Full PDB file with SEQRES, HELIX, SHEET, SSBOND, CRYST1, ORIGX, SCALE, CONECT and MASTER records, all heavy atoms in Angstrom:
SEQRES   1 A   37  ILE GLY TYR TYR SER GLU SER ASP LYS SER ALA GLY TYR          
SEQRES   2 A   37  TYR VAL GLU PRO HIS PHE LEU ASP TYR SER PRO THR LEU          
SEQRES   3 A   37  ASP SER GLY ASN ASP PRO LEU SER ASN THR LEU                  
SHEET    1 AA1 2 GLY A   2  SER A   5  0                                        
SHEET    2 AA1 2 SER A  10  TYR A  13 -1                                        
CRYST1    1.000    1.000    1.000  90.00  90.00  90.00 P 1           1          
ORIGX1      1.000000  0.000000  0.000000        0.00000                         
ORIGX2      0.000000  1.000000  0.000000        0.00000                         
ORIGX3      0.000000  0.000000  1.000000        0.00000                         
SCALE1      1.000000  0.000000  0.000000        0.00000                         
SCALE2      0.000000  1.000000  0.000000        0.00000                         
SCALE3      0.000000  0.000000  1.000000        0.00000                         
ATOM      1  N   ILE A   1       6.272   6.644   1.918  1.00  0.00           N  
ATOM      2  CA  ILE A   1       7.107   7.211   2.970  1.00  0.00           C  
ATOM      3  C   ILE A   1       8.567   7.442   2.276  1.00  0.00           C  
ATOM      4  O   ILE A   1       9.104   6.443   1.854  1.00  0.00           O  
ATOM      5  CB  ILE A   1       7.266   6.201   4.159  1.00  0.00           C  
ATOM      6  CG1 ILE A   1       5.895   6.037   4.820  1.00  0.00           C  
ATOM      7  CG2 ILE A   1       8.212   7.001   5.135  1.00  0.00           C  
ATOM      8  CD1 ILE A   1       5.985   5.033   5.882  1.00  0.00           C  
ATOM      9  N   GLY A   2       8.985   8.682   2.349  1.00  0.00           N  
ATOM     10  CA  GLY A   2      10.374   9.050   1.863  1.00  0.00           C  
ATOM     11  C   GLY A   2      11.152   9.082   3.144  1.00  0.00           C  
ATOM     12  O   GLY A   2      10.683   9.666   4.108  1.00  0.00           O  
ATOM     13  N   TYR A   3      12.330   8.544   3.108  1.00  0.00           N  
ATOM     14  CA  TYR A   3      13.066   8.478   4.358  1.00  0.00           C  
ATOM     15  C   TYR A   3      14.630   8.624   4.049  1.00  0.00           C  
ATOM     16  O   TYR A   3      15.047   8.332   2.851  1.00  0.00           O  
ATOM     17  CB  TYR A   3      12.764   7.247   5.086  1.00  0.00           C  
ATOM     18  CG  TYR A   3      13.164   5.912   4.391  1.00  0.00           C  
ATOM     19  CD1 TYR A   3      14.408   5.356   4.602  1.00  0.00           C  
ATOM     20  CD2 TYR A   3      12.299   5.248   3.540  1.00  0.00           C  
ATOM     21  CE1 TYR A   3      14.812   4.218   3.926  1.00  0.00           C  
ATOM     22  CE2 TYR A   3      12.676   4.182   2.872  1.00  0.00           C  
ATOM     23  CZ  TYR A   3      13.957   3.637   3.119  1.00  0.00           C  
ATOM     24  OH  TYR A   3      14.347   2.564   2.479  1.00  0.00           O  
ATOM     25  N   TYR A   4      15.303   8.933   5.056  1.00  0.00           N  
ATOM     26  CA  TYR A   4      16.832   8.985   5.055  1.00  0.00           C  
ATOM     27  C   TYR A   4      17.310   7.835   5.860  1.00  0.00           C  
ATOM     28  O   TYR A   4      16.989   7.624   7.014  1.00  0.00           O  
ATOM     29  CB  TYR A   4      17.298  10.302   5.505  1.00  0.00           C  
ATOM     30  CG  TYR A   4      18.874  10.411   5.671  1.00  0.00           C  
ATOM     31  CD1 TYR A   4      19.590  10.507   4.600  1.00  0.00           C  
ATOM     32  CD2 TYR A   4      19.373  10.348   6.890  1.00  0.00           C  
ATOM     33  CE1 TYR A   4      21.028  10.629   4.755  1.00  0.00           C  
ATOM     34  CE2 TYR A   4      20.746  10.603   7.085  1.00  0.00           C  
ATOM     35  CZ  TYR A   4      21.561  10.589   5.984  1.00  0.00           C  
ATOM     36  OH  TYR A   4      22.925  10.741   6.083  1.00  0.00           O  
ATOM     37  N   SER A   5      18.403   7.196   5.374  1.00  0.00           N  
ATOM     38  CA  SER A   5      19.057   6.015   6.118  1.00  0.00           C  
ATOM     39  C   SER A   5      20.341   6.479   6.589  1.00  0.00           C  
ATOM     40  O   SER A   5      21.280   6.797   5.757  1.00  0.00           O  
ATOM     41  CB  SER A   5      19.168   4.770   5.227  1.00  0.00           C  
ATOM     42  OG  SER A   5      19.990   3.931   5.722  1.00  0.00           O  
ATOM     43  N   GLU A   6      20.522   6.657   7.823  1.00  0.00           N  
ATOM     44  CA  GLU A   6      21.756   7.227   8.355  1.00  0.00           C  
ATOM     45  C   GLU A   6      22.827   6.218   8.237  1.00  0.00           C  
ATOM     46  O   GLU A   6      24.038   6.577   8.127  1.00  0.00           O  
ATOM     47  CB  GLU A   6      21.516   7.426   9.810  1.00  0.00           C  
ATOM     48  CG  GLU A   6      22.612   8.156  10.653  1.00  0.00           C  
ATOM     49  CD  GLU A   6      22.622   9.622  10.265  1.00  0.00           C  
ATOM     50  OE1 GLU A   6      21.755  10.343  10.220  1.00  0.00           O  
ATOM     51  OE2 GLU A   6      23.856  10.121   9.958  1.00  0.00           O  
ATOM     52  N   SER A   7      22.538   4.892   8.255  1.00  0.00           N  
ATOM     53  CA  SER A   7      23.603   3.863   8.160  1.00  0.00           C  
ATOM     54  C   SER A   7      24.375   3.845   6.838  1.00  0.00           C  
ATOM     55  O   SER A   7      25.538   3.683   6.899  1.00  0.00           O  
ATOM     56  CB  SER A   7      22.897   2.391   8.472  1.00  0.00           C  
ATOM     57  OG  SER A   7      21.862   2.257   7.365  1.00  0.00           O  
ATOM     58  N   ASP A   8      23.686   4.054   5.764  1.00  0.00           N  
ATOM     59  CA  ASP A   8      24.435   4.129   4.482  1.00  0.00           C  
ATOM     60  C   ASP A   8      24.277   5.469   3.839  1.00  0.00           C  
ATOM     61  O   ASP A   8      24.552   5.596   2.676  1.00  0.00           O  
ATOM     62  CB  ASP A   8      24.080   2.948   3.526  1.00  0.00           C  
ATOM     63  CG  ASP A   8      22.470   3.017   3.278  1.00  0.00           C  
ATOM     64  OD1 ASP A   8      21.861   4.036   3.661  1.00  0.00           O  
ATOM     65  OD2 ASP A   8      22.055   2.055   2.606  1.00  0.00           O  
ATOM     66  N   LYS A   9      23.807   6.487   4.540  1.00  0.00           N  
ATOM     67  CA  LYS A   9      23.554   7.880   4.099  1.00  0.00           C  
ATOM     68  C   LYS A   9      23.028   7.990   2.757  1.00  0.00           C  
ATOM     69  O   LYS A   9      23.514   8.480   1.725  1.00  0.00           O  
ATOM     70  CB  LYS A   9      25.074   8.564   4.091  1.00  0.00           C  
ATOM     71  CG  LYS A   9      25.688   8.594   5.459  1.00  0.00           C  
ATOM     72  CD  LYS A   9      26.889   9.416   5.423  1.00  0.00           C  
ATOM     73  CE  LYS A   9      27.695   9.419   6.798  1.00  0.00           C  
ATOM     74  NZ  LYS A   9      26.819   9.735   7.844  1.00  0.00           N  
ATOM     75  N   SER A  10      21.858   7.357   2.603  1.00  0.00           N  
ATOM     76  CA  SER A  10      21.186   7.300   1.341  1.00  0.00           C  
ATOM     77  C   SER A  10      19.633   7.631   1.441  1.00  0.00           C  
ATOM     78  O   SER A  10      19.051   7.633   2.570  1.00  0.00           O  
ATOM     79  CB  SER A  10      21.183   5.797   0.637  1.00  0.00           C  
ATOM     80  OG  SER A  10      20.648   4.903   1.498  1.00  0.00           O  
ATOM     81  N   ALA A  11      19.024   7.991   0.298  1.00  0.00           N  
ATOM     82  CA  ALA A  11      17.586   8.286   0.377  1.00  0.00           C  
ATOM     83  C   ALA A  11      16.829   7.118   0.010  1.00  0.00           C  
ATOM     84  O   ALA A  11      17.197   6.310  -1.013  1.00  0.00           O  
ATOM     85  CB  ALA A  11      17.281   9.540  -0.677  1.00  0.00           C  
ATOM     86  N   GLY A  12      15.699   6.791   0.589  1.00  0.00           N  
ATOM     87  CA  GLY A  12      14.898   5.587   0.339  1.00  0.00           C  
ATOM     88  C   GLY A  12      13.445   5.942   0.170  1.00  0.00           C  
ATOM     89  O   GLY A  12      13.002   7.025   0.612  1.00  0.00           O  
ATOM     90  N   TYR A  13      12.671   4.965  -0.150  1.00  0.00           N  
ATOM     91  CA  TYR A  13      11.225   5.143  -0.416  1.00  0.00           C  
ATOM     92  C   TYR A  13      10.477   3.866  -0.266  1.00  0.00           C  
ATOM     93  O   TYR A  13      10.939   2.799  -0.671  1.00  0.00           O  
ATOM     94  CB  TYR A  13      11.075   5.571  -1.872  1.00  0.00           C  
ATOM     95  CG  TYR A  13       9.696   6.176  -2.256  1.00  0.00           C  
ATOM     96  CD1 TYR A  13       9.265   7.338  -1.759  1.00  0.00           C  
ATOM     97  CD2 TYR A  13       8.721   5.302  -2.854  1.00  0.00           C  
ATOM     98  CE1 TYR A  13       7.957   7.893  -1.949  1.00  0.00           C  
ATOM     99  CE2 TYR A  13       7.427   5.966  -3.133  1.00  0.00           C  
ATOM    100  CZ  TYR A  13       7.128   7.015  -2.764  1.00  0.00           C  
ATOM    101  OH  TYR A  13       5.830   7.744  -2.912  1.00  0.00           O  
ATOM    102  N   TYR A  14       9.519   4.029   0.684  1.00  0.00           N  
ATOM    103  CA  TYR A  14       8.696   2.759   0.976  1.00  0.00           C  
ATOM    104  C   TYR A  14       7.316   3.004   0.687  1.00  0.00           C  
ATOM    105  O   TYR A  14       6.788   4.031   0.800  1.00  0.00           O  
ATOM    106  CB  TYR A  14       8.839   2.688   2.644  1.00  0.00           C  
ATOM    107  CG  TYR A  14       7.928   1.607   3.217  1.00  0.00           C  
ATOM    108  CD1 TYR A  14       8.296   0.267   3.277  1.00  0.00           C  
ATOM    109  CD2 TYR A  14       6.637   1.937   3.709  1.00  0.00           C  
ATOM    110  CE1 TYR A  14       7.540  -0.788   3.747  1.00  0.00           C  
ATOM    111  CE2 TYR A  14       5.798   1.008   4.195  1.00  0.00           C  
ATOM    112  CZ  TYR A  14       6.149  -0.392   4.276  1.00  0.00           C  
ATOM    113  OH  TYR A  14       5.425  -1.298   4.878  1.00  0.00           O  
ATOM    114  N   VAL A  15       6.671   1.876   0.049  1.00  0.00           N  
ATOM    115  CA  VAL A  15       5.286   1.884  -0.232  1.00  0.00           C  
ATOM    116  C   VAL A  15       4.638   0.784   0.594  1.00  0.00           C  
ATOM    117  O   VAL A  15       5.081  -0.280   0.666  1.00  0.00           O  
ATOM    118  CB  VAL A  15       5.004   1.663  -1.711  1.00  0.00           C  
ATOM    119  CG1 VAL A  15       3.568   1.582  -2.033  1.00  0.00           C  
ATOM    120  CG2 VAL A  15       5.823   2.653  -2.565  1.00  0.00           C  
ATOM    121  N   GLU A  16       3.556   1.152   1.342  1.00  0.00           N  
ATOM    122  CA  GLU A  16       2.758   0.210   2.129  1.00  0.00           C  
ATOM    123  C   GLU A  16       2.364  -1.014   1.352  1.00  0.00           C  
ATOM    124  O   GLU A  16       1.650  -0.745   0.244  1.00  0.00           O  
ATOM    125  CB  GLU A  16       1.681   0.953   2.761  1.00  0.00           C  
ATOM    126  CG  GLU A  16       0.801   0.059   3.749  1.00  0.00           C  
ATOM    127  CD  GLU A  16      -0.381   0.972   4.294  1.00  0.00           C  
ATOM    128  OE1 GLU A  16      -0.744   1.938   3.748  1.00  0.00           O  
ATOM    129  OE2 GLU A  16      -0.996   0.384   5.351  1.00  0.00           O  
ATOM    130  N   PRO A  17       2.612  -2.170   1.725  1.00  0.00           N  
ATOM    131  CA  PRO A  17       2.068  -3.399   0.911  1.00  0.00           C  
ATOM    132  C   PRO A  17       0.540  -3.293   0.879  1.00  0.00           C  
ATOM    133  O   PRO A  17      -0.239  -2.883   1.713  1.00  0.00           O  
ATOM    134  CB  PRO A  17       2.452  -4.593   1.825  1.00  0.00           C  
ATOM    135  CG  PRO A  17       3.618  -4.050   2.552  1.00  0.00           C  
ATOM    136  CD  PRO A  17       3.353  -2.599   2.854  1.00  0.00           C  
ATOM    137  N   HIS A  18       0.040  -3.793  -0.325  1.00  0.00           N  
ATOM    138  CA  HIS A  18      -1.396  -3.727  -0.580  1.00  0.00           C  
ATOM    139  C   HIS A  18      -2.068  -5.118  -0.224  1.00  0.00           C  
ATOM    140  O   HIS A  18      -1.362  -6.175  -0.207  1.00  0.00           O  
ATOM    141  CB  HIS A  18      -1.645  -3.384  -1.998  1.00  0.00           C  
ATOM    142  CG  HIS A  18      -2.836  -2.522  -2.215  1.00  0.00           C  
ATOM    143  ND1 HIS A  18      -4.059  -2.873  -1.822  1.00  0.00           N  
ATOM    144  CD2 HIS A  18      -2.872  -1.257  -2.675  1.00  0.00           C  
ATOM    145  CE1 HIS A  18      -4.870  -1.818  -2.084  1.00  0.00           C  
ATOM    146  NE2 HIS A  18      -4.276  -0.836  -2.594  1.00  0.00           N  
ATOM    147  N   PHE A  19      -3.319  -4.959   0.111  1.00  0.00           N  
ATOM    148  CA  PHE A  19      -4.146  -6.218   0.319  1.00  0.00           C  
ATOM    149  C   PHE A  19      -5.186  -6.353  -0.699  1.00  0.00           C  
ATOM    150  O   PHE A  19      -5.918  -5.355  -1.014  1.00  0.00           O  
ATOM    151  CB  PHE A  19      -4.803  -6.085   1.778  1.00  0.00           C  
ATOM    152  CG  PHE A  19      -3.810  -6.191   2.842  1.00  0.00           C  
ATOM    153  CD1 PHE A  19      -3.126  -5.006   3.229  1.00  0.00           C  
ATOM    154  CD2 PHE A  19      -3.511  -7.376   3.475  1.00  0.00           C  
ATOM    155  CE1 PHE A  19      -2.280  -5.168   4.312  1.00  0.00           C  
ATOM    156  CE2 PHE A  19      -2.674  -7.432   4.548  1.00  0.00           C  
ATOM    157  CZ  PHE A  19      -1.947  -6.278   4.960  1.00  0.00           C  
ATOM    158  N   LEU A  20      -5.189  -7.524  -1.328  1.00  0.00           N  
ATOM    159  CA  LEU A  20      -6.222  -7.731  -2.566  1.00  0.00           C  
ATOM    160  C   LEU A  20      -7.365  -8.400  -1.977  1.00  0.00           C  
ATOM    161  O   LEU A  20      -7.252  -9.627  -1.484  1.00  0.00           O  
ATOM    162  CB  LEU A  20      -5.409  -8.525  -3.481  1.00  0.00           C  
ATOM    163  CG  LEU A  20      -6.292  -9.007  -4.697  1.00  0.00           C  
ATOM    164  CD1 LEU A  20      -6.884  -7.851  -5.491  1.00  0.00           C  
ATOM    165  CD2 LEU A  20      -5.592  -9.814  -5.689  1.00  0.00           C  
ATOM    166  N   ASP A  21      -8.517  -7.908  -2.229  1.00  0.00           N  
ATOM    167  CA  ASP A  21      -9.789  -8.522  -1.797  1.00  0.00           C  
ATOM    168  C   ASP A  21     -10.430  -8.773  -3.026  1.00  0.00           C  
ATOM    169  O   ASP A  21     -11.031  -7.964  -3.767  1.00  0.00           O  
ATOM    170  CB  ASP A  21     -10.707  -7.527  -0.898  1.00  0.00           C  
ATOM    171  CG  ASP A  21     -11.925  -8.136  -0.479  1.00  0.00           C  
ATOM    172  OD1 ASP A  21     -12.247  -9.174  -0.989  1.00  0.00           O  
ATOM    173  OD2 ASP A  21     -12.681  -7.474   0.308  1.00  0.00           O  
ATOM    174  N   TYR A  22     -10.587 -10.203  -3.404  1.00  0.00           N  
ATOM    175  CA  TYR A  22     -11.200 -10.624  -4.611  1.00  0.00           C  
ATOM    176  C   TYR A  22     -12.562 -11.267  -4.333  1.00  0.00           C  
ATOM    177  O   TYR A  22     -13.048 -12.014  -5.111  1.00  0.00           O  
ATOM    178  CB  TYR A  22     -10.376 -11.587  -5.387  1.00  0.00           C  
ATOM    179  CG  TYR A  22      -9.885 -12.762  -4.747  1.00  0.00           C  
ATOM    180  CD1 TYR A  22     -10.639 -13.962  -4.709  1.00  0.00           C  
ATOM    181  CD2 TYR A  22      -8.646 -12.813  -4.143  1.00  0.00           C  
ATOM    182  CE1 TYR A  22     -10.311 -15.073  -4.160  1.00  0.00           C  
ATOM    183  CE2 TYR A  22      -8.222 -13.967  -3.420  1.00  0.00           C  
ATOM    184  CZ  TYR A  22      -8.984 -15.119  -3.584  1.00  0.00           C  
ATOM    185  OH  TYR A  22      -8.593 -16.283  -2.854  1.00  0.00           O  
ATOM    186  N   SER A  23     -13.171 -11.050  -3.143  1.00  0.00           N  
ATOM    187  CA  SER A  23     -14.414 -11.573  -2.864  1.00  0.00           C  
ATOM    188  C   SER A  23     -15.455 -10.832  -3.869  1.00  0.00           C  
ATOM    189  O   SER A  23     -15.181  -9.744  -4.134  1.00  0.00           O  
ATOM    190  CB  SER A  23     -14.927 -11.307  -1.506  1.00  0.00           C  
ATOM    191  OG  SER A  23     -14.927  -9.992  -1.158  1.00  0.00           O  
ATOM    192  N   PRO A  24     -16.544 -11.656  -4.281  1.00  0.00           N  
ATOM    193  CA  PRO A  24     -17.384 -11.106  -5.297  1.00  0.00           C  
ATOM    194  C   PRO A  24     -18.446 -10.070  -4.834  1.00  0.00           C  
ATOM    195  O   PRO A  24     -19.571 -10.117  -4.766  1.00  0.00           O  
ATOM    196  CB  PRO A  24     -18.135 -12.304  -5.879  1.00  0.00           C  
ATOM    197  CG  PRO A  24     -18.167 -13.190  -4.619  1.00  0.00           C  
ATOM    198  CD  PRO A  24     -16.854 -13.069  -3.948  1.00  0.00           C  
ATOM    199  N   THR A  25     -17.921  -8.798  -4.532  1.00  0.00           N  
ATOM    200  CA  THR A  25     -18.636  -7.697  -4.194  1.00  0.00           C  
ATOM    201  C   THR A  25     -18.648  -6.753  -5.325  1.00  0.00           C  
ATOM    202  O   THR A  25     -17.710  -6.531  -6.023  1.00  0.00           O  
ATOM    203  CB  THR A  25     -18.171  -7.022  -3.010  1.00  0.00           C  
ATOM    204  OG1 THR A  25     -16.754  -6.588  -3.201  1.00  0.00           O  
ATOM    205  CG2 THR A  25     -18.194  -7.772  -1.587  1.00  0.00           C  
ATOM    206  N   LEU A  26     -19.847  -6.296  -5.743  1.00  0.00           N  
ATOM    207  CA  LEU A  26     -20.094  -5.604  -6.924  1.00  0.00           C  
ATOM    208  C   LEU A  26     -20.047  -4.027  -6.760  1.00  0.00           C  
ATOM    209  O   LEU A  26     -20.031  -3.278  -7.729  1.00  0.00           O  
ATOM    210  CB  LEU A  26     -21.439  -5.882  -7.589  1.00  0.00           C  
ATOM    211  CG  LEU A  26     -21.578  -7.414  -8.006  1.00  0.00           C  
ATOM    212  CD1 LEU A  26     -22.860  -7.748  -8.617  1.00  0.00           C  
ATOM    213  CD2 LEU A  26     -20.437  -7.833  -8.926  1.00  0.00           C  
ATOM    214  N   ASP A  27     -19.926  -3.601  -5.458  1.00  0.00           N  
ATOM    215  CA  ASP A  27     -19.997  -2.120  -5.274  1.00  0.00           C  
ATOM    216  C   ASP A  27     -18.719  -1.577  -4.883  1.00  0.00           C  
ATOM    217  O   ASP A  27     -18.660  -0.441  -4.379  1.00  0.00           O  
ATOM    218  CB  ASP A  27     -21.020  -1.890  -4.082  1.00  0.00           C  
ATOM    219  CG  ASP A  27     -20.701  -2.555  -2.769  1.00  0.00           C  
ATOM    220  OD1 ASP A  27     -19.598  -3.310  -2.859  1.00  0.00           O  
ATOM    221  OD2 ASP A  27     -21.231  -2.188  -1.863  1.00  0.00           O  
ATOM    222  N   SER A  28     -17.568  -2.266  -5.138  1.00  0.00           N  
ATOM    223  CA  SER A  28     -16.236  -1.719  -4.748  1.00  0.00           C  
ATOM    224  C   SER A  28     -15.717  -0.767  -5.708  1.00  0.00           C  
ATOM    225  O   SER A  28     -14.715  -0.105  -5.480  1.00  0.00           O  
ATOM    226  CB  SER A  28     -15.284  -2.860  -4.461  1.00  0.00           C  
ATOM    227  OG  SER A  28     -15.180  -3.658  -5.750  1.00  0.00           O  
ATOM    228  N   GLY A  29     -16.183  -0.864  -7.024  1.00  0.00           N  
ATOM    229  CA  GLY A  29     -15.645   0.080  -7.979  1.00  0.00           C  
ATOM    230  C   GLY A  29     -14.283  -0.168  -8.250  1.00  0.00           C  
ATOM    231  O   GLY A  29     -13.795  -1.354  -8.374  1.00  0.00           O  
ATOM    232  N   ASN A  30     -13.449   0.896  -8.376  1.00  0.00           N  
ATOM    233  CA  ASN A  30     -12.011   0.630  -8.535  1.00  0.00           C  
ATOM    234  C   ASN A  30     -11.230   0.879  -7.396  1.00  0.00           C  
ATOM    235  O   ASN A  30      -9.945   1.149  -7.516  1.00  0.00           O  
ATOM    236  CB  ASN A  30     -11.470   1.627  -9.765  1.00  0.00           C  
ATOM    237  CG  ASN A  30     -12.060   1.177 -11.075  1.00  0.00           C  
ATOM    238  OD1 ASN A  30     -12.195   0.098 -11.360  1.00  0.00           O  
ATOM    239  ND2 ASN A  30     -12.460   2.129 -11.937  1.00  0.00           N  
ATOM    240  N   ASP A  31     -11.778   0.718  -6.240  1.00  0.00           N  
ATOM    241  CA  ASP A  31     -11.097   0.970  -5.079  1.00  0.00           C  
ATOM    242  C   ASP A  31     -10.768  -0.250  -4.230  1.00  0.00           C  
ATOM    243  O   ASP A  31     -11.660  -0.807  -3.592  1.00  0.00           O  
ATOM    244  CB  ASP A  31     -11.849   1.895  -4.021  1.00  0.00           C  
ATOM    245  CG  ASP A  31     -11.183   2.448  -2.855  1.00  0.00           C  
ATOM    246  OD1 ASP A  31     -10.052   1.835  -2.547  1.00  0.00           O  
ATOM    247  OD2 ASP A  31     -11.635   3.202  -2.071  1.00  0.00           O  
ATOM    248  N   PRO A  32      -9.593  -0.853  -4.262  1.00  0.00           N  
ATOM    249  CA  PRO A  32      -9.320  -2.113  -3.771  1.00  0.00           C  
ATOM    250  C   PRO A  32      -9.307  -2.122  -2.240  1.00  0.00           C  
ATOM    251  O   PRO A  32      -9.189  -3.140  -1.638  1.00  0.00           O  
ATOM    252  CB  PRO A  32      -7.997  -2.501  -4.324  1.00  0.00           C  
ATOM    253  CG  PRO A  32      -7.277  -1.232  -4.694  1.00  0.00           C  
ATOM    254  CD  PRO A  32      -8.375  -0.308  -5.032  1.00  0.00           C  
ATOM    255  N   LEU A  33      -9.389  -0.930  -1.593  1.00  0.00           N  
ATOM    256  CA  LEU A  33      -9.413  -0.914  -0.184  1.00  0.00           C  
ATOM    257  C   LEU A  33     -10.772  -0.824   0.393  1.00  0.00           C  
ATOM    258  O   LEU A  33     -10.922  -0.864   1.609  1.00  0.00           O  
ATOM    259  CB  LEU A  33      -8.568   0.391   0.329  1.00  0.00           C  
ATOM    260  CG  LEU A  33      -7.116   0.353   0.178  1.00  0.00           C  
ATOM    261  CD1 LEU A  33      -6.526   1.598   0.711  1.00  0.00           C  
ATOM    262  CD2 LEU A  33      -6.529  -0.841   1.027  1.00  0.00           C  
ATOM    263  N   SER A  34     -11.834  -0.924  -0.366  1.00  0.00           N  
ATOM    264  CA  SER A  34     -13.104  -0.708   0.098  1.00  0.00           C  
ATOM    265  C   SER A  34     -13.608  -1.695   0.988  1.00  0.00           C  
ATOM    266  O   SER A  34     -14.544  -1.548   1.816  1.00  0.00           O  
ATOM    267  CB  SER A  34     -14.048  -0.479  -1.009  1.00  0.00           C  
ATOM    268  OG  SER A  34     -14.129  -1.730  -1.809  1.00  0.00           O  
ATOM    269  N   ASN A  35     -13.014  -3.055   0.960  1.00  0.00           N  
ATOM    270  CA  ASN A  35     -13.509  -4.089   1.809  1.00  0.00           C  
ATOM    271  C   ASN A  35     -12.467  -4.658   2.689  1.00  0.00           C  
ATOM    272  O   ASN A  35     -12.518  -5.672   3.207  1.00  0.00           O  
ATOM    273  CB  ASN A  35     -13.937  -5.275   0.882  1.00  0.00           C  
ATOM    274  CG  ASN A  35     -15.152  -4.789   0.010  1.00  0.00           C  
ATOM    275  OD1 ASN A  35     -16.098  -4.207   0.594  1.00  0.00           O  
ATOM    276  ND2 ASN A  35     -15.049  -4.985  -1.256  1.00  0.00           N  
ATOM    277  N   THR A  36     -11.411  -3.927   2.966  1.00  0.00           N  
ATOM    278  CA  THR A  36     -10.299  -4.304   3.871  1.00  0.00           C  
ATOM    279  C   THR A  36     -10.472  -3.638   5.188  1.00  0.00           C  
ATOM    280  O   THR A  36     -11.320  -2.618   5.328  1.00  0.00           O  
ATOM    281  CB  THR A  36      -8.941  -4.003   3.240  1.00  0.00           C  
ATOM    282  OG1 THR A  36      -8.764  -2.652   3.336  1.00  0.00           O  
ATOM    283  CG2 THR A  36      -8.777  -4.413   1.822  1.00  0.00           C  
ATOM    284  N   LEU A  37      -9.714  -4.101   6.182  1.00  0.00           N  
ATOM    285  CA  LEU A  37      -9.573  -3.519   7.422  1.00  0.00           C  
ATOM    286  C   LEU A  37      -8.821  -2.306   7.492  1.00  0.00           C  
ATOM    287  O   LEU A  37      -8.592  -1.561   8.532  1.00  0.00           O  
ATOM    288  CB  LEU A  37      -9.227  -4.506   8.506  1.00  0.00           C  
ATOM    289  CG  LEU A  37     -10.152  -5.601   8.714  1.00  0.00           C  
ATOM    290  CD1 LEU A  37      -9.669  -6.616   9.671  1.00  0.00           C  
ATOM    291  CD2 LEU A  37     -11.493  -5.071   9.224  1.00  0.00           C  
TER     292      LEU A  37                                                      
MASTER        0    0    0    0    2    0    0    6  291    1    0    3          
END                                                                             
């Protein structure tokens, strides 16, 4: 998310926090979201 802050008149950038699933599933490939909600 790119955003503008009116309070300090600046440009900001937000990245959604990630969730790490390290349960031993072998079909997730390189997609860490495949087993999350």
